């Protein structure tokens, strides 16, 4: 059942296009089949078609309590944060605070003298496409973190320190030559936007993404903690059982993956990229650049890479991404040509949670394809992580 408060929220925002909500027993049943089959604590799903939303949640807020998930609960988006960071960069480009082709040496003059020459000509566009030559996972090692005091430094200082550490070492591969998914590129982007605007990335995301798109329920970090227990809890796996946890990505890596949102608020972001952005948020040219697919060696089969998005080679093309902090999972597909999107979330992040999300995502995207003449989603299509 969709709460009355949620219906009011959907219809009342003056800053973003109004949505209508539809309670769909078939969507709830589809979601519950996958959740139950894989034993996931809780899941959510949303389908956007034009200005119509269908939403469902099933399961529990936490595995050891009976409280059910609510349609208004926030879910952790993990790396689906990256498309929001890229959208923030686009807002600053439109204000001429940054340029797509701005190099790291230009954007970060304070650390340019200590930057490895291989990184000085890397552009912001290259960072957002994961072709900057930065390390992939596992780079928070003593090689990079010796002397780092993350418990006491302000967040902007943490990002500056880590950006300098990564950029002082030679690229892992020739920049611009190959796709290599890197959270650290978006960490560096966070430092770039903080330098350009003189504000923390978190404040900028609130001002440039959340506020104009009426995403008032979105925030950063865990969706529930012992201090604020009302919400959907993340889940670890211990002794083959789900256990609620407060663990999350460190705030340092926020620009790459710490945003959480209720499904409806996340749908407002998806709608903006599907062709329903509020007037003045981003120009058509900026959105086209964010969505522009480019081919690089290393991009998953059947895809190209855009800015904060993977792009399928289907007709119509789909903007895609997956996100996880290890304890939650989130999937997004946006199809701009038919003004549609699918969001699937889980409050667990292990392989069964990913499998359940994939089942639901593929079924819902196939449903949009069938109704629009776009064909099947294809089981091999996966967003870059």
Protein backbone atom coordinates (compact mmCIF):
# COMPACT_ATOMS: atom_id res chain seq x y z
CA UNK A 1 0.00 0.00 0.00
CA UNK A 2 1.29 3.49 -0.85
CA UNK A 3 1.08 5.88 2.13
CA UNK A 4 -1.07 8.99 1.71
CA UNK A 5 1.94 11.08 2.76
CA UNK A 6 3.91 9.68 -0.15
CA UNK A 7 1.16 10.52 -2.63
CA UNK A 8 1.19 14.09 -1.33
CA UNK A 9 4.96 14.25 -1.65
CA UNK A 10 4.79 13.06 -5.22
CA UNK A 11 2.28 15.71 -6.23
CA UNK A 12 3.30 18.71 -4.15
CA UNK A 13 6.79 19.77 -5.25
CA UNK A 14 6.98 23.06 -7.09
CA UNK A 15 10.65 22.61 -7.93
CA UNK A 16 10.31 19.42 -9.96
CA UNK A 17 7.70 17.97 -12.32
CA UNK A 18 4.78 16.36 -10.46
CA UNK A 19 4.42 12.59 -10.47
CA UNK A 20 1.42 10.36 -9.99
CA UNK A 21 1.86 7.14 -8.06
CA UNK A 22 0.36 3.76 -8.81
CA UNK A 23 0.17 0.84 -6.39
CA UNK A 24 0.71 -2.30 -8.47
CA UNK A 25 0.13 -5.71 -6.85
CA UNK A 26 1.94 -7.39 -9.75
CA UNK A 27 5.11 -5.38 -9.08
CA UNK A 28 4.93 -6.21 -5.39
CA UNK A 29 4.46 -9.90 -6.19
CA UNK A 30 7.36 -9.86 -8.68
CA UNK A 31 9.62 -8.22 -6.10
CA UNK A 32 8.56 -10.58 -3.31
CA UNK A 33 9.23 -13.67 -5.46
CA UNK A 34 12.86 -12.67 -5.94
CA UNK A 35 13.31 -11.43 -2.39
CA UNK A 36 11.89 -14.62 -0.93
CA UNK A 37 13.74 -16.94 -3.30
CA UNK A 38 17.09 -15.41 -2.37
CA UNK A 39 16.29 -14.80 1.29
CA UNK A 40 17.02 -11.05 1.23
CA UNK A 41 15.88 -8.99 4.25
CA UNK A 42 14.25 -6.23 2.20
CA UNK A 43 13.98 -4.90 -1.35
CA UNK A 44 12.43 -2.00 -3.23
CA UNK A 45 11.58 -1.36 -6.87
CA UNK A 46 10.27 1.60 -8.85
CA UNK A 47 9.24 1.99 -12.47
CA UNK A 48 9.02 5.46 -14.00
CA UNK A 49 7.15 6.06 -17.26
CA UNK A 50 6.80 9.74 -18.09
CA UNK A 51 5.23 11.27 -15.00
CA UNK A 52 3.79 7.98 -13.68
CA UNK A 53 5.50 6.03 -10.91
CA UNK A 54 4.88 2.47 -9.80
CA UNK A 55 6.60 1.59 -6.53
CA UNK A 56 6.85 -1.49 -4.31
CA UNK A 57 8.80 -2.54 -1.22
CA UNK A 58 8.83 -5.95 0.44
CA UNK A 59 10.50 -7.50 3.46
CA UNK A 60 11.89 -6.03 6.65
CA UNK A 61 13.85 -2.96 7.66
CA UNK A 62 16.23 -5.26 9.55
CA UNK A 63 16.53 -9.02 9.61
CA UNK A 64 16.07 -9.46 13.37
CA UNK A 65 12.93 -7.33 13.76
CA UNK A 66 9.42 -7.51 12.36
CA UNK A 67 9.13 -3.87 11.27
CA UNK A 68 8.34 -3.85 7.51
CA UNK A 69 10.11 -1.71 4.96
CA UNK A 70 8.18 1.43 4.03
CA UNK A 71 7.91 3.04 0.62
CA UNK A 72 9.34 6.21 2.19
CA UNK A 73 12.46 4.51 3.60
CA UNK A 74 15.81 5.55 2.14
CA UNK A 75 18.11 3.05 0.44
CA UNK A 76 21.89 3.34 0.13
CA UNK A 77 22.89 3.96 -3.51
CA UNK A 78 26.61 3.17 -3.34
CA UNK A 79 28.34 3.91 -6.63
CA UNK A 80 25.12 5.18 -8.19
CA UNK A 81 26.28 8.36 -6.42
CA UNK A 82 28.73 8.88 -9.30
CA UNK A 83 26.10 10.10 -11.77
CA UNK A 84 25.09 12.74 -9.21
CA UNK A 85 28.70 13.88 -8.82
CA UNK A 86 28.98 14.09 -12.61
CA UNK A 87 25.76 16.13 -12.71
CA UNK A 88 27.25 18.48 -10.11
CA UNK A 89 30.31 18.94 -12.33
CA UNK A 90 27.95 19.77 -15.22
CA UNK A 91 26.26 22.47 -13.12
CA UNK A 92 29.65 24.03 -12.40
CA UNK A 93 30.64 23.78 -16.07
CA UNK A 94 27.52 25.73 -17.01
CA UNK A 95 28.57 28.45 -14.57
CA UNK A 96 32.08 28.46 -16.06
CA UNK A 97 33.61 27.42 -12.77
CA UNK A 98 34.97 24.31 -14.50
CA UNK A 99 35.41 22.96 -18.05
CA UNK A 100 34.88 19.45 -19.37
CA UNK A 101 38.38 19.56 -20.87
CA UNK A 102 39.98 21.20 -17.84
CA UNK A 103 43.16 19.38 -16.89
CA UNK A 104 44.09 18.32 -13.38
CA UNK A 105 47.07 20.67 -13.47
CA UNK A 106 44.65 23.54 -14.20
CA UNK A 107 41.97 22.44 -11.73
CA UNK A 108 44.37 21.72 -8.87
CA UNK A 109 47.22 24.24 -9.13
CA UNK A 110 48.08 23.86 -5.44
CA UNK A 111 49.21 20.26 -5.95
CA UNK A 112 50.28 20.48 -9.61
CA UNK A 113 53.99 20.88 -8.74
CA UNK A 114 53.89 17.51 -6.92
CA UNK A 115 51.69 15.79 -9.50
CA UNK A 116 53.20 13.02 -11.63
CA UNK A 117 53.62 14.36 -15.19
CA UNK A 118 51.42 11.55 -16.48
CA UNK A 119 48.39 12.99 -14.66
CA UNK A 120 48.86 16.68 -15.42
CA UNK A 121 47.04 16.53 -18.76
CA UNK A 122 44.22 14.25 -17.55
CA UNK A 123 40.87 16.04 -17.98
CA UNK A 124 37.76 16.04 -15.84
CA UNK A 125 35.97 14.25 -18.68
CA UNK A 126 38.55 11.45 -18.51
CA UNK A 127 38.10 11.12 -14.74
CA UNK A 128 34.33 10.77 -15.11
CA UNK A 129 34.75 8.11 -17.83
CA UNK A 130 37.24 6.06 -15.76
CA UNK A 131 40.02 6.41 -18.32
CA UNK A 132 42.44 8.52 -16.24
CA UNK A 133 44.87 5.69 -15.49
CA UNK A 134 44.02 5.57 -11.77
CA UNK A 135 44.05 2.40 -9.63
CA UNK A 136 40.97 0.24 -9.40
CA UNK A 137 39.84 -1.40 -6.13
CA UNK A 138 42.04 -1.97 -3.11
CA UNK A 139 44.15 1.18 -3.37
CA UNK A 140 43.57 2.26 0.26
CA UNK A 141 46.82 0.52 1.24
CA UNK A 142 49.75 1.76 3.38
CA UNK A 143 51.38 2.91 0.14
CA UNK A 144 48.67 5.57 -0.12
CA UNK A 145 47.56 6.09 3.49
CA UNK A 146 50.80 6.34 5.52
CA UNK A 147 50.44 9.44 7.69
CA UNK A 148 46.72 9.81 7.00
CA UNK A 149 44.62 10.76 10.04
CA UNK A 150 41.03 10.32 8.92
CA UNK A 151 39.60 10.63 12.43
CA UNK A 152 40.64 14.23 13.03
CA UNK A 153 41.07 16.01 9.72
CA UNK A 154 38.21 17.99 8.14
CA UNK A 155 36.70 16.12 5.21
CA UNK A 156 38.03 18.57 2.60
CA UNK A 157 41.55 18.09 3.97
CA UNK A 158 41.13 14.32 3.80
CA UNK A 159 40.15 14.54 0.11
CA UNK A 160 43.03 16.88 -0.70
CA UNK A 161 45.50 14.58 1.04
CA UNK A 162 44.28 11.48 -0.78
CA UNK A 163 44.01 13.24 -4.15
CA UNK A 164 47.61 14.35 -3.83
CA UNK A 165 48.73 10.85 -2.86
CA UNK A 166 47.09 9.23 -5.88
CA UNK A 167 48.27 11.89 -8.32
CA UNK A 168 51.86 11.89 -7.08
CA UNK A 169 52.35 8.33 -8.33
CA UNK A 170 52.61 7.38 -12.00
CA UNK A 171 49.40 6.29 -13.76
CA UNK A 172 48.71 2.56 -13.73
CA UNK A 173 48.18 2.76 -17.50
CA UNK A 174 48.39 5.46 -20.15
CA UNK A 175 45.60 7.96 -19.47
CA UNK A 176 42.91 7.89 -22.15
CA UNK A 177 43.87 4.44 -23.38
CA UNK A 178 41.68 2.05 -21.41
CA UNK A 179 38.60 1.92 -19.16
CA UNK A 180 39.47 0.93 -15.57
CA UNK A 181 36.68 1.55 -13.08
CA UNK A 182 38.08 3.68 -10.27
CA UNK A 183 36.38 5.08 -7.20
CA UNK A 184 39.46 7.23 -6.69
CA UNK A 185 38.78 9.26 -9.82
CA UNK A 186 35.54 10.42 -8.25
CA UNK A 187 37.26 11.09 -4.92
CA UNK A 188 39.59 13.41 -6.87
CA UNK A 189 36.58 14.98 -8.61
CA UNK A 190 35.18 15.71 -5.17
CA UNK A 191 38.33 17.64 -4.34
CA UNK A 192 38.15 19.44 -7.71
CA UNK A 193 34.60 20.69 -7.15
CA UNK A 194 35.44 21.70 -3.58
CA UNK A 195 38.34 23.80 -4.87
CA UNK A 196 36.26 25.32 -7.67
CA UNK A 197 33.27 26.27 -5.50
CA UNK A 198 34.84 26.76 -2.08
CA UNK A 199 32.34 24.40 -0.41
CA UNK A 200 32.29 20.78 0.67
CA UNK A 201 31.08 18.24 -1.89
CA UNK A 202 28.19 17.32 0.42
CA UNK A 203 26.99 20.93 0.58
CA UNK A 204 27.31 21.28 -3.19
CA UNK A 205 25.31 18.11 -3.83
CA UNK A 206 22.56 19.43 -1.57
CA UNK A 207 22.51 22.79 -3.36
CA UNK A 208 23.01 21.68 -6.97
CA UNK A 209 21.25 18.29 -7.10
CA UNK A 210 19.00 17.61 -4.12
CA UNK A 211 17.40 21.06 -3.79
CA UNK A 212 16.56 21.83 -7.45
CA UNK A 213 15.24 18.28 -8.01
CA UNK A 214 13.21 18.25 -4.75
CA UNK A 215 15.14 15.27 -3.36
CA UNK A 216 14.50 16.29 0.23
CA UNK A 217 14.79 12.78 1.69
CA UNK A 218 18.31 12.16 0.38
CA UNK A 219 21.43 12.31 2.50
CA UNK A 220 24.82 10.73 3.11
CA UNK A 221 26.07 7.65 4.91
CA UNK A 222 24.15 4.84 6.62
CA UNK A 223 20.37 4.77 6.31
CA UNK A 224 19.93 3.61 9.93
CA UNK A 225 22.15 3.58 13.01
CA UNK A 226 21.79 2.91 16.73
CA UNK A 227 21.36 6.66 17.23
CA UNK A 228 18.76 6.86 14.43
CA UNK A 229 17.29 3.35 14.22
CA UNK A 230 14.11 4.10 12.27
CA UNK A 231 14.86 3.15 8.69
CA UNK A 232 16.22 0.43 6.46
CA UNK A 233 19.34 -1.13 7.98
CA UNK A 234 22.33 -2.34 6.01
CA UNK A 235 23.15 -6.03 6.42
CA UNK A 236 26.40 -7.93 6.76
CA UNK A 237 26.60 -11.73 6.50
CA UNK A 238 27.96 -13.67 9.48
CA UNK A 239 27.69 -17.44 9.96
CA UNK A 240 25.49 -17.59 6.84
CA UNK A 241 22.94 -15.20 8.33
CA UNK A 242 22.13 -11.54 7.72
CA UNK A 243 23.13 -9.24 10.58
CA UNK A 244 22.18 -5.54 10.74
CA UNK A 245 25.20 -3.23 10.57
CA UNK A 246 26.05 0.47 10.62
CA UNK A 247 29.08 -0.05 8.36
CA UNK A 248 29.43 2.14 5.27
CA UNK A 249 31.96 3.59 2.87
CA UNK A 250 34.11 6.24 4.60
CA UNK A 251 32.89 9.83 4.10
CA UNK A 252 36.18 10.52 2.32
CA UNK A 253 34.95 8.53 -0.68
CA UNK A 254 31.56 10.29 -0.67
CA UNK A 255 31.70 11.57 -4.27
CA UNK A 256 32.07 7.95 -5.40
CA UNK A 257 29.48 6.30 -3.21
CA UNK A 258 27.81 7.46 0.02
CA UNK A 259 24.42 8.94 -1.01
CA UNK A 260 21.16 7.43 0.19
CA UNK A 261 17.67 8.27 -1.07
CA UNK A 262 14.07 7.14 -0.83
CA UNK A 263 13.02 5.55 -4.11
CA UNK A 264 10.75 8.43 -5.09
CA UNK A 265 13.49 11.02 -4.57
CA UNK A 266 15.93 8.92 -6.58
CA UNK A 267 13.26 8.74 -9.28
CA UNK A 268 13.31 12.54 -9.50
CA UNK A 269 16.99 12.32 -10.42
CA UNK A 270 16.29 9.54 -12.92
CA UNK A 271 13.46 11.60 -14.44
CA UNK A 272 15.79 14.58 -14.89
CA UNK A 273 18.10 12.36 -16.95
CA UNK A 274 15.14 10.79 -18.78
CA UNK A 275 14.02 14.13 -20.20
CA UNK A 276 11.99 15.72 -17.39
CA UNK A 277 14.53 18.00 -15.73
CA UNK A 278 13.13 21.17 -14.14
CA UNK A 279 13.73 24.28 -16.28
CA UNK A 280 17.18 25.66 -15.69
CA UNK A 281 18.67 22.64 -13.96
CA UNK A 282 20.87 21.47 -16.84
CA UNK A 283 20.79 22.41 -20.51
CA UNK A 284 20.08 19.83 -23.19
CA UNK A 285 23.71 20.22 -24.29
CA UNK A 286 25.00 19.39 -20.81
CA UNK A 287 22.74 16.35 -20.50
CA UNK A 288 23.80 15.18 -23.95
CA UNK A 289 27.45 15.45 -22.93
CA UNK A 290 26.83 13.54 -19.69
CA UNK A 291 25.12 10.78 -21.70
CA UNK A 292 27.55 10.71 -24.65
CA UNK A 293 28.83 7.14 -25.09
CA UNK A 294 32.46 6.50 -25.95
CA UNK A 295 34.14 3.19 -26.64
CA UNK A 296 37.28 2.18 -24.78
CA UNK A 297 39.08 -1.10 -24.34
CA UNK A 298 38.02 -2.64 -21.05
CA UNK A 299 34.39 -1.44 -21.00
CA UNK A 300 32.03 -4.38 -20.30
CA UNK A 301 30.73 -6.15 -23.38
CA UNK A 302 27.74 -4.52 -25.05
CA UNK A 303 28.40 -1.13 -23.49
CA UNK A 304 30.16 2.17 -23.89
CA UNK A 305 31.01 4.62 -21.13
CA UNK A 306 29.55 8.05 -20.47
CA UNK A 307 30.00 10.42 -17.50
CA UNK A 308 28.82 8.61 -14.39
CA UNK A 309 26.88 6.13 -16.54
CA UNK A 310 27.38 3.04 -18.62
CA UNK A 311 25.49 3.13 -21.93
CA UNK A 312 24.14 -0.01 -23.57
CA UNK A 313 24.43 -0.56 -27.32
CA UNK A 314 20.75 -1.47 -27.48
CA UNK A 315 18.00 0.41 -29.26
CA UNK A 316 17.01 2.54 -27.55
CA UNK A 317 20.22 3.04 -25.56
CA UNK A 318 20.01 2.77 -21.77
CA UNK A 319 21.95 4.64 -19.11
CA UNK A 320 22.91 2.11 -16.44
CA UNK A 321 24.82 1.76 -13.19
CA UNK A 322 25.12 -0.51 -10.17
CA UNK A 323 25.97 0.58 -6.66
CA UNK A 324 26.97 -1.18 -3.45
CA UNK A 325 28.84 -0.41 -0.24
CA UNK A 326 29.04 -4.14 0.45
CA UNK A 327 26.00 -4.06 2.75
CA UNK A 328 23.34 -2.67 0.35
CA UNK A 329 22.78 -2.90 -3.39
CA UNK A 330 21.14 -0.56 -5.91
CA UNK A 331 20.55 -0.70 -9.67
CA UNK A 332 19.40 2.03 -12.03
CA UNK A 333 18.46 1.98 -15.72
CA UNK A 334 17.31 5.18 -17.46
CA UNK A 335 15.95 5.13 -21.02
CA UNK A 336 15.78 8.76 -22.18
CA UNK A 337 14.23 8.04 -25.57
CA UNK A 338 11.07 6.67 -23.95
CA UNK A 339 11.21 8.84 -20.79
CA UNK A 340 11.44 5.78 -18.55
CA UNK A 341 13.56 4.38 -15.74
CA UNK A 342 13.79 1.36 -13.44
CA UNK A 343 15.27 1.45 -9.91
CA UNK A 344 15.88 -1.67 -7.79
CA UNK A 345 17.29 -1.64 -4.26
CA UNK A 346 18.18 -4.08 -1.50
CA UNK A 347 19.29 -3.67 2.11
CA UNK A 348 21.90 -6.40 1.65
CA UNK A 349 24.90 -6.38 -0.66
CA UNK A 350 26.07 -9.99 -1.04
CA UNK A 351 25.78 -12.22 -4.10
CA UNK A 352 22.18 -13.35 -3.39
CA UNK A 353 21.15 -9.69 -3.07
CA UNK A 354 22.82 -8.87 -6.38
CA UNK A 355 21.17 -11.87 -8.04
CA UNK A 356 17.73 -10.89 -6.74
CA UNK A 357 18.20 -7.30 -7.93
CA UNK A 358 19.28 -8.53 -11.36
CA UNK A 359 16.21 -10.72 -11.72
CA UNK A 360 13.87 -7.87 -10.88
CA UNK A 361 15.76 -5.31 -12.95
CA UNK A 362 15.83 -7.46 -16.07
CA UNK A 363 12.13 -8.30 -15.79
CA UNK A 364 11.09 -4.66 -15.34
CA UNK A 365 13.36 -3.33 -18.10
CA UNK A 366 12.07 -6.05 -20.42
CA UNK A 367 8.55 -4.87 -19.60
CA UNK A 368 9.40 -1.32 -20.62
CA UNK A 369 11.09 -2.61 -23.77
CA UNK A 370 8.09 -4.68 -24.74
CA UNK A 371 5.66 -1.80 -24.20
CA UNK A 372 7.85 0.63 -26.17
CA UNK A 373 9.05 -1.74 -28.87
CA UNK A 374 12.60 -1.69 -27.52
CA UNK A 375 13.10 -5.42 -27.13
CA UNK A 376 14.69 -7.49 -24.38
CA UNK A 377 17.23 -6.29 -21.86
CA UNK A 378 19.61 -9.14 -22.42
CA UNK A 379 21.05 -11.17 -19.54
CA UNK A 380 24.65 -10.20 -20.28
CA UNK A 381 24.14 -6.46 -19.91
CA UNK A 382 25.54 -5.27 -16.61
CA UNK A 383 26.41 -1.76 -15.46
CA UNK A 384 30.04 -1.01 -14.62
CA UNK A 385 30.56 -1.06 -10.85
